[in-house]
Amino acid sequence: MTHYLITGSSSGIGAALATQLTASGHKVSGVARRKQRLTALAKKLDSFDGYTADVGNAESLASTIDKVKAKAGAIDVAILNAGIYQPQDGTKIDPQIYANHMTINYLGVINALAGLVPDMVRDGKGHIAIVSSVAGWRGLPKSAAYGPTKAALISLAESLYFDLAPHGLKIQVICPGFVDSAATAVNDFEMPDLISADSAASAIISGMQGHDFSINFPKSFTRKMGLLRLLPDRLFFRLVGKQTGTF
């Protein structure tokens, strides 16, 4: 039985991951801010324990990870999934909104890593998957607060690979397209190739069993986004602006 730690596990992709992994016989320790949802999930799933913590609070998360290890033993695999998304109008900058995204989406991963990496390096094994997004590949409309945090996570995962792979750790970064969730429900534009949280969780689990550093899905969308990364800036802005109705 593999012991998984999943942050942001009370809904969306995190809850779907917990459901599928426990159904496959694994132990899952889930971390999230919403205690009521964690409790409901624990009642529904065998081999799932929920822990209430704010990933943006370093001390709180460190204490929680210690509790997880004390109760369920060493963490074999960590899926660092917690995140927030709030569409932004770039003509109206609210620094606090940008700071909140950085605190949860980026520093929340750093805070988790602080409680995970030392033990894994000591033991010479471990698997860490960081959930980023294709929104980190290039700038997109209304993503000025969210996208940069996801770009930072991709760079973080690449940098950590050099430091941690030589110690026996497996490092991967996960870049989904649009996933149907409470977060994406606020979007007022058409989301191409939208997939369910269950489909996203299945793609993540399948990808984590392989050896690719970057897990990107759905392919029907990520291939298009991959091409956009290669376009000259002027053409990129023109195409994306026209497609999204920005200009």
C-alpha atoms as a PDB file:
ATOM      1  CA  MET A   1       0.000   0.000   0.000  1.00  0.00           C
ATOM      2  CA  THR A   2       1.422   3.356  -1.062  1.00  0.00           C
ATOM      3  CA  HIS A   3       0.894   6.360   1.210  1.00  0.00           C
ATOM      4  CA  TYR A   4      -0.140   9.493  -0.719  1.00  0.00           C
ATOM      5  CA  LEU A   5      -0.300  13.048   0.589  1.00  0.00           C
ATOM      6  CA  ILE A   6      -2.636  15.290  -1.427  1.00  0.00           C
ATOM      7  CA  THR A   7      -3.042  18.998  -0.782  1.00  0.00           C
ATOM      8  CA  GLY A   8      -6.245  20.701  -1.894  1.00  0.00           C
ATOM      9  CA  SER A   9      -8.043  17.395  -1.447  1.00  0.00           C
ATOM     10  CA  SER A  10     -11.504  18.548  -0.370  1.00  0.00           C
ATOM     11  CA  SER A  11     -12.916  19.128  -3.878  1.00  0.00           C
ATOM     12  CA  GLY A  12     -12.163  19.105  -7.593  1.00  0.00           C
ATOM     13  CA  ILE A  13      -9.089  17.258  -8.807  1.00  0.00           C
ATOM     14  CA  GLY A  14      -7.849  16.615  -5.257  1.00  0.00           C
ATOM     15  CA  ALA A  15     -11.037  14.857  -4.158  1.00  0.00           C
ATOM     16  CA  ALA A  16     -11.174  12.881  -7.407  1.00  0.00           C
ATOM     17  CA  LEU A  17      -7.574  11.756  -6.884  1.00  0.00           C
ATOM     18  CA  ALA A  18      -8.337  10.681  -3.313  1.00  0.00           C
ATOM     19  CA  THR A  19     -11.373   8.721  -4.491  1.00  0.00           C
ATOM     20  CA  GLN A  20      -9.542   6.859  -7.243  1.00  0.00           C
ATOM     21  CA  LEU A  21      -6.395   6.155  -5.248  1.00  0.00           C
ATOM     22  CA  THR A  22      -8.220   4.764  -2.214  1.00  0.00           C
ATOM     23  CA  ALA A  23     -10.364   2.653  -4.544  1.00  0.00           C
ATOM     24  CA  SER A  24      -7.105   1.147  -5.838  1.00  0.00           C
ATOM     25  CA  GLY A  25      -6.077   0.191  -2.299  1.00  0.00           C
ATOM     26  CA  HIS A  26      -3.764   3.068  -1.428  1.00  0.00           C
ATOM     27  CA  LYS A  27      -3.626   5.145   1.735  1.00  0.00           C
ATOM     28  CA  VAL A  28      -4.411   8.846   1.242  1.00  0.00           C
ATOM     29  CA  SER A  29      -3.827  11.684   3.686  1.00  0.00           C
ATOM     30  CA  GLY A  30      -5.659  14.747   2.425  1.00  0.00           C
ATOM     31  CA  VAL A  31      -4.963  18.345   3.412  1.00  0.00           C
ATOM     32  CA  ALA A  32      -7.379  21.220   2.821  1.00  0.00           C
ATOM     33  CA  ARG A  33      -8.898  24.243   4.530  1.00  0.00           C
ATOM     34  CA  ARG A  34     -12.525  23.086   4.514  1.00  0.00           C
ATOM     35  CA  LYS A  35     -12.969  20.699   7.437  1.00  0.00           C
ATOM     36  CA  GLN A  36     -16.576  19.851   6.662  1.00  0.00           C
ATOM     37  CA  ARG A  37     -15.731  18.628   3.174  1.00  0.00           C
ATOM     38  CA  LEU A  38     -12.770  16.624   4.436  1.00  0.00           C
ATOM     39  CA  THR A  39     -14.990  14.968   7.042  1.00  0.00           C
ATOM     40  CA  ALA A  40     -17.577  14.062   4.406  1.00  0.00           C
ATOM     41  CA  LEU A  41     -14.882  12.603   2.189  1.00  0.00           C
ATOM     42  CA  ALA A  42     -13.441  10.561   5.065  1.00  0.00           C
ATOM     43  CA  LYS A  43     -16.875   9.055   5.729  1.00  0.00           C
ATOM     44  CA  LYS A  44     -17.195   8.058   2.088  1.00  0.00           C
ATOM     45  CA  LEU A  45     -13.709   6.710   1.449  1.00  0.00           C
ATOM     46  CA  ASP A  46     -11.827   3.872   3.067  1.00  0.00           C
ATOM     47  CA  SER A  47      -8.156   4.549   3.850  1.00  0.00           C
ATOM     48  CA  PHE A  48      -8.600   8.328   3.737  1.00  0.00           C
ATOM     49  CA  ASP A  49      -7.747  10.720   6.566  1.00  0.00           C
ATOM     50  CA  GLY A  50      -8.432  14.442   6.310  1.00  0.00           C
ATOM     51  CA  TYR A  51      -6.309  17.147   7.912  1.00  0.00           C
ATOM     52  CA  THR A  52      -7.356  20.778   8.111  1.00  0.00           C
ATOM     53  CA  ALA A  53      -4.579  23.228   7.306  1.00  0.00           C
ATOM     54  CA  ASP A  54      -3.836  26.318   5.233  1.00  0.00           C
ATOM     55  CA  VAL A  55      -0.966  25.557   2.857  1.00  0.00           C
ATOM     56  CA  GLY A  56      -0.124  29.260   2.859  1.00  0.00           C
ATOM     57  CA  ASN A  57       0.727  29.075   6.554  1.00  0.00           C
ATOM     58  CA  ALA A  58       4.154  27.458   6.855  1.00  0.00           C
ATOM     59  CA  GLU A  59       3.895  26.591  10.550  1.00  0.00           C
ATOM     60  CA  SER A  60       0.401  25.147  10.221  1.00  0.00           C
ATOM     61  CA  LEU A  61       1.358  22.968   7.278  1.00  0.00           C
ATOM     62  CA  ALA A  62       4.594  21.772   8.882  1.00  0.00           C
ATOM     63  CA  SER A  63       2.662  20.706  11.972  1.00  0.00           C
ATOM     64  CA  THR A  64       0.062  18.962   9.839  1.00  0.00           C
ATOM     65  CA  ILE A  65       2.641  17.016   7.829  1.00  0.00           C
ATOM     66  CA  ASP A  66       4.207  15.890  11.114  1.00  0.00           C
ATOM     67  CA  LYS A  67       0.766  14.648  12.243  1.00  0.00           C
ATOM     68  CA  VAL A  68       0.295  12.798   8.957  1.00  0.00           C
ATOM     69  CA  LYS A  69       3.609  10.986   9.324  1.00  0.00           C
ATOM     70  CA  ALA A  70       2.984  10.200  12.995  1.00  0.00           C
ATOM     71  CA  LYS A  71      -0.374   8.604  12.193  1.00  0.00           C
ATOM     72  CA  ALA A  72       0.140   6.959   8.812  1.00  0.00           C
ATOM     73  CA  GLY A  73       3.900   6.639   8.464  1.00  0.00           C
ATOM     74  CA  ALA A  74       6.298   7.871   5.812  1.00  0.00           C
ATOM     75  CA  ILE A  75       4.826   9.698   2.831  1.00  0.00           C
ATOM     76  CA  ASP A  76       5.690   7.826  -0.359  1.00  0.00           C
ATOM     77  CA  VAL A  77       4.063  10.166  -2.880  1.00  0.00           C
ATOM     78  CA  ALA A  78       3.013  13.799  -2.569  1.00  0.00           C
ATOM     79  CA  ILE A  79       0.647  15.477  -5.029  1.00  0.00           C
ATOM     80  CA  LEU A  80       0.845  19.204  -4.353  1.00  0.00           C
ATOM     81  CA  ASN A  81      -2.433  20.354  -5.808  1.00  0.00           C
ATOM     82  CA  ALA A  82      -3.839  23.158  -3.620  1.00  0.00           C
ATOM     83  CA  GLY A  83      -4.548  26.338  -5.501  1.00  0.00           C
ATOM     84  CA  ILE A  84      -6.875  29.267  -6.095  1.00  0.00           C
ATOM     85  CA  TYR A  85      -7.994  31.054  -9.244  1.00  0.00           C
ATOM     86  CA  GLN A  86      -9.646  34.434  -9.527  1.00  0.00           C
ATOM     87  CA  PRO A  87      -9.967  36.040 -12.975  1.00  0.00           C
ATOM     88  CA  GLN A  88      -8.395  39.483 -13.131  1.00  0.00           C
ATOM     89  CA  ASP A  89      -8.975  42.616 -15.156  1.00  0.00           C
ATOM     90  CA  GLY A  90      -5.465  43.915 -15.772  1.00  0.00           C
ATOM     91  CA  THR A  91      -6.731  47.497 -15.856  1.00  0.00           C
ATOM     92  CA  LYS A  92      -7.644  47.245 -12.158  1.00  0.00           C
ATOM     93  CA  ILE A  93      -4.737  45.908 -10.116  1.00  0.00           C
ATOM     94  CA  ASP A  94      -5.443  44.783  -6.564  1.00  0.00           C
ATOM     95  CA  PRO A  95      -2.071  43.768  -5.066  1.00  0.00           C
ATOM     96  CA  GLN A  96      -3.717  41.671  -2.349  1.00  0.00           C
ATOM     97  CA  ILE A  97      -5.366  39.381  -4.887  1.00  0.00           C
ATOM     98  CA  TYR A  98      -2.019  38.813  -6.586  1.00  0.00           C
ATOM     99  CA  ALA A  99      -0.367  38.179  -3.220  1.00  0.00           C
ATOM    100  CA  ASN A 100      -3.061  35.650  -2.270  1.00  0.00           C
ATOM    101  CA  HIS A 101      -2.416  33.687  -5.448  1.00  0.00           C
ATOM    102  CA  MET A 102       1.314  33.642  -4.797  1.00  0.00           C
ATOM    103  CA  THR A 103       0.848  32.627  -1.147  1.00  0.00           C
ATOM    104  CA  ILE A 104      -1.447  29.683  -1.896  1.00  0.00           C
ATOM    105  CA  ASN A 105      -0.387  28.526  -5.353  1.00  0.00           C
ATOM    106  CA  TYR A 106       3.380  28.940  -5.086  1.00  0.00           C
ATOM    107  CA  LEU A 107       4.415  29.301  -1.451  1.00  0.00           C
ATOM    108  CA  GLY A 108       1.886  26.614  -0.523  1.00  0.00           C
ATOM    109  CA  VAL A 109       4.002  24.183  -2.547  1.00  0.00           C
ATOM    110  CA  ILE A 110       7.228  25.469  -0.980  1.00  0.00           C
ATOM    111  CA  ASN A 111       5.749  25.032   2.502  1.00  0.00           C
ATOM    112  CA  ALA A 112       4.805  21.444   1.705  1.00  0.00           C
ATOM    113  CA  LEU A 113       8.217  20.679   0.230  1.00  0.00           C
ATOM    114  CA  ALA A 114       9.881  21.840   3.436  1.00  0.00           C
ATOM    115  CA  GLY A 115       8.108  19.060   5.314  1.00  0.00           C
ATOM    116  CA  LEU A 116       8.634  16.399   2.663  1.00  0.00           C
ATOM    117  CA  VAL A 117      12.064  16.731   1.068  1.00  0.00           C
ATOM    118  CA  PRO A 118      14.346  16.110   4.084  1.00  0.00           C
ATOM    119  CA  ASP A 119      12.841  12.683   4.847  1.00  0.00           C
ATOM    120  CA  MET A 120      12.796  11.648   1.191  1.00  0.00           C
ATOM    121  CA  VAL A 121      16.414  12.691   0.663  1.00  0.00           C
ATOM    122  CA  ARG A 122      17.424  10.846   3.823  1.00  0.00           C
ATOM    123  CA  ASP A 123      15.624   7.690   2.670  1.00  0.00           C
ATOM    124  CA  GLY A 124      16.831   8.010  -0.928  1.00  0.00           C
ATOM    125  CA  LYS A 125      13.332   7.645  -2.367  1.00  0.00           C
ATOM    126  CA  GLY A 126      10.078   9.508  -2.829  1.00  0.00           C
ATOM    127  CA  HIS A 127       7.815  10.916  -5.507  1.00  0.00           C
ATOM    128  CA  ILE A 128       6.664  14.543  -5.709  1.00  0.00           C
ATOM    129  CA  ALA A 129       4.176  15.771  -8.315  1.00  0.00           C
ATOM    130  CA  ILE A 130       3.511  19.521  -8.502  1.00  0.00           C
ATOM    131  CA  VAL A 131       0.231  20.604 -10.084  1.00  0.00           C
ATOM    132  CA  SER A 132       0.792  23.569 -12.378  1.00  0.00           C
ATOM    133  CA  SER A 133      -1.301  24.432 -15.455  1.00  0.00           C
ATOM    134  CA  VAL A 134      -1.019  25.169 -19.157  1.00  0.00           C
ATOM    135  CA  ALA A 135      -1.807  28.727 -17.998  1.00  0.00           C
ATOM    136  CA  GLY A 136       1.851  28.795 -16.964  1.00  0.00           C
ATOM    137  CA  TRP A 137       3.062  28.191 -20.514  1.00  0.00           C
ATOM    138  CA  ARG A 138       2.163  31.643 -21.871  1.00  0.00           C
ATOM    139  CA  GLY A 139       0.177  34.614 -20.630  1.00  0.00           C
ATOM    140  CA  LEU A 140      -3.585  34.361 -21.128  1.00  0.00           C
ATOM    141  CA  PRO A 141      -6.477  36.821 -20.771  1.00  0.00           C
ATOM    142  CA  LYS A 142      -7.694  37.332 -17.183  1.00  0.00           C
ATOM    143  CA  SER A 143      -4.870  35.153 -15.819  1.00  0.00           C
ATOM    144  CA  ALA A 144      -2.490  37.885 -14.655  1.00  0.00           C
ATOM    145  CA  ALA A 145      -2.742  36.771 -11.009  1.00  0.00           C
ATOM    146  CA  TYR A 146      -2.992  33.022 -11.621  1.00  0.00           C
ATOM    147  CA  GLY A 147      -0.763  32.336 -14.628  1.00  0.00           C
ATOM    148  CA  PRO A 148       2.519  33.664 -13.177  1.00  0.00           C
ATOM    149  CA  THR A 149       2.172  31.380 -10.132  1.00  0.00           C
ATOM    150  CA  LYS A 150       1.804  28.379 -12.428  1.00  0.00           C
ATOM    151  CA  ALA A 151       4.780  29.459 -14.522  1.00  0.00           C
ATOM    152  CA  ALA A 152       6.763  29.716 -11.291  1.00  0.00           C
ATOM    153  CA  LEU A 153       5.797  26.152 -10.361  1.00  0.00           C
ATOM    154  CA  ILE A 154       7.063  24.809 -13.676  1.00  0.00           C
ATOM    155  CA  SER A 155      10.398  26.544 -13.157  1.00  0.00           C
ATOM    156  CA  LEU A 156      10.482  25.304  -9.560  1.00  0.00           C
ATOM    157  CA  ALA A 157       9.903  21.694 -10.597  1.00  0.00           C
ATOM    158  CA  GLU A 158      12.598  21.906 -13.278  1.00  0.00           C
ATOM    159  CA  SER A 159      15.089  23.353 -10.813  1.00  0.00           C
ATOM    160  CA  LEU A 160      14.247  20.808  -8.124  1.00  0.00           C
ATOM    161  CA  TYR A 161      14.739  17.982 -10.595  1.00  0.00           C
ATOM    162  CA  PHE A 162      18.449  18.799 -10.808  1.00  0.00           C
ATOM    163  CA  ASP A 163      18.769  18.871  -7.010  1.00  0.00           C
ATOM    164  CA  LEU A 164      16.572  15.927  -6.044  1.00  0.00           C
ATOM    165  CA  ALA A 165      16.759  13.345  -8.829  1.00  0.00           C
ATOM    166  CA  PRO A 166      20.371  12.469  -7.916  1.00  0.00           C
ATOM    167  CA  HIS A 167      19.060  11.558  -4.423  1.00  0.00           C
ATOM    168  CA  GLY A 168      16.576   9.042  -5.810  1.00  0.00           C
ATOM    169  CA  LEU A 169      13.491  11.257  -5.862  1.00  0.00           C
ATOM    170  CA  LYS A 170      11.034  11.280  -8.752  1.00  0.00           C
ATOM    171  CA  ILE A 171       9.905  14.802  -9.643  1.00  0.00           C
ATOM    172  CA  GLN A 172       7.064  15.589 -12.039  1.00  0.00           C
ATOM    173  CA  VAL A 173       5.013  18.644 -12.981  1.00  0.00           C
ATOM    174  CA  ILE A 174       1.359  18.367 -13.991  1.00  0.00           C
ATOM    175  CA  CYS A 175      -0.126  20.821 -16.504  1.00  0.00           C
ATOM    176  CA  PRO A 176      -3.869  20.320 -17.049  1.00  0.00           C
ATOM    177  CA  GLY A 177      -6.000  22.287 -19.463  1.00  0.00           C
ATOM    178  CA  PHE A 178      -9.491  23.381 -18.445  1.00  0.00           C
ATOM    179  CA  VAL A 179     -10.995  21.160 -15.736  1.00  0.00           C
ATOM    180  CA  ASP A 180     -14.638  21.465 -14.672  1.00  0.00           C
ATOM    181  CA  SER A 181     -14.552  22.716 -11.075  1.00  0.00           C
ATOM    182  CA  ALA A 182     -15.755  25.474  -8.772  1.00  0.00           C
ATOM    183  CA  ALA A 183     -12.700  27.491  -9.798  1.00  0.00           C
ATOM    184  CA  THR A 184     -13.322  27.376 -13.544  1.00  0.00           C
ATOM    185  CA  ALA A 185     -17.077  27.879 -13.068  1.00  0.00           C
ATOM    186  CA  VAL A 186     -16.410  31.614 -12.660  1.00  0.00           C
ATOM    187  CA  ASN A 187     -15.079  31.917 -16.221  1.00  0.00           C
ATOM    188  CA  ASP A 188     -17.368  33.844 -18.555  1.00  0.00           C
ATOM    189  CA  PHE A 189     -15.801  32.498 -21.749  1.00  0.00           C
ATOM    190  CA  GLU A 190     -15.926  29.213 -23.623  1.00  0.00           C
ATOM    191  CA  MET A 191     -13.360  26.754 -22.283  1.00  0.00           C
ATOM    192  CA  PRO A 192     -12.151  24.490 -25.102  1.00  0.00           C
ATOM    193  CA  ASP A 193     -11.710  20.772 -24.414  1.00  0.00           C
ATOM    194  CA  LEU A 194     -13.128  21.076 -20.875  1.00  0.00           C
ATOM    195  CA  ILE A 195     -12.792  17.794 -18.953  1.00  0.00           C
ATOM    196  CA  SER A 196     -14.185  16.497 -15.677  1.00  0.00           C
ATOM    197  CA  ALA A 197     -12.228  16.293 -12.427  1.00  0.00           C
ATOM    198  CA  ASP A 198     -12.491  12.502 -12.606  1.00  0.00           C
ATOM    199  CA  SER A 199     -10.931  12.470 -16.071  1.00  0.00           C
ATOM    200  CA  ALA A 200      -8.167  14.783 -14.868  1.00  0.00           C
ATOM    201  CA  ALA A 201      -7.452  12.535 -11.889  1.00  0.00           C
ATOM    202  CA  SER A 202      -7.240   9.469 -14.140  1.00  0.00           C
ATOM    203  CA  ALA A 203      -4.796  11.268 -16.448  1.00  0.00           C
ATOM    204  CA  ILE A 204      -2.655  12.313 -13.486  1.00  0.00           C
ATOM    205  CA  ILE A 205      -2.517   8.825 -11.988  1.00  0.00           C
ATOM    206  CA  SER A 206      -1.650   7.322 -15.363  1.00  0.00           C
ATOM    207  CA  GLY A 207       1.026   9.946 -15.999  1.00  0.00           C
ATOM    208  CA  MET A 208       2.587   9.479 -12.580  1.00  0.00           C
ATOM    209  CA  GLN A 209       3.097   5.800 -13.335  1.00  0.00           C
ATOM    210  CA  GLY A 210       5.233   6.753 -16.330  1.00  0.00           C
ATOM    211  CA  HIS A 211       8.586   8.466 -16.618  1.00  0.00           C
ATOM    212  CA  ASP A 212       7.721  11.740 -18.356  1.00  0.00           C
ATOM    213  CA  PHE A 213       8.725  14.790 -16.352  1.00  0.00           C
ATOM    214  CA  SER A 214       5.750  16.848 -17.562  1.00  0.00           C
ATOM    215  CA  ILE A 215       2.227  15.405 -17.524  1.00  0.00           C
ATOM    216  CA  ASN A 216       0.032  17.434 -19.900  1.00  0.00           C
ATOM    217  CA  PHE A 217      -3.638  16.808 -20.731  1.00  0.00           C
ATOM    218  CA  PRO A 218      -6.015  16.678 -22.458  1.00  0.00           C
ATOM    219  CA  LYS A 219      -3.823  16.212 -25.505  1.00  0.00           C
ATOM    220  CA  SER A 220      -6.464  17.747 -27.790  1.00  0.00           C
ATOM    221  CA  PHE A 221      -5.874  21.048 -25.961  1.00  0.00           C
ATOM    222  CA  THR A 222      -2.277  20.869 -24.774  1.00  0.00           C
ATOM    223  CA  ARG A 223      -1.011  20.211 -28.304  1.00  0.00           C
ATOM    224  CA  LYS A 224      -2.604  23.481 -29.412  1.00  0.00           C
ATOM    225  CA  MET A 225      -1.168  25.320 -26.430  1.00  0.00           C
ATOM    226  CA  GLY A 226       2.219  23.795 -27.156  1.00  0.00           C
ATOM    227  CA  LEU A 227       2.119  25.269 -30.647  1.00  0.00           C
ATOM    228  CA  LEU A 228       1.179  28.677 -29.252  1.00  0.00           C
ATOM    229  CA  ARG A 229       4.348  28.609 -27.149  1.00  0.00           C
ATOM    230  CA  LEU A 230       6.384  28.497 -30.341  1.00  0.00           C
ATOM    231  CA  LEU A 231       4.665  31.360 -32.135  1.00  0.00           C
ATOM    232  CA  PRO A 232       6.267  34.791 -32.510  1.00  0.00           C
ATOM    233  CA  ASP A 233       4.812  37.232 -29.995  1.00  0.00           C
ATOM    234  CA  ARG A 234       2.897  39.347 -32.507  1.00  0.00           C
ATOM    235  CA  LEU A 235       1.125  36.312 -33.984  1.00  0.00           C
ATOM    236  CA  PHE A 236       0.486  34.817 -30.549  1.00  0.00           C
ATOM    237  CA  PHE A 237      -1.233  37.962 -29.269  1.00  0.00           C
ATOM    238  CA  ARG A 238      -3.292  38.307 -32.438  1.00  0.00           C
ATOM    239  CA  LEU A 239      -4.527  34.701 -32.442  1.00  0.00           C
ATOM    240  CA  VAL A 240      -5.304  34.431 -28.727  1.00  0.00           C
ATOM    241  CA  GLY A 241      -6.862  37.888 -28.650  1.00  0.00           C
ATOM    242  CA  LYS A 242      -9.158  37.024 -31.560  1.00  0.00           C
ATOM    243  CA  GLN A 243     -10.051  33.593 -30.164  1.00  0.00           C
ATOM    244  CA  THR A 244     -10.987  34.987 -26.747  1.00  0.00           C
ATOM    245  CA  GLY A 245     -12.668  38.139 -28.004  1.00  0.00           C
ATOM    246  CA  THR A 246     -10.132  40.330 -26.250  1.00  0.00           C
ATOM    247  CA  PHE A 247      -9.482  42.347 -29.421  1.00  0.00           C
END
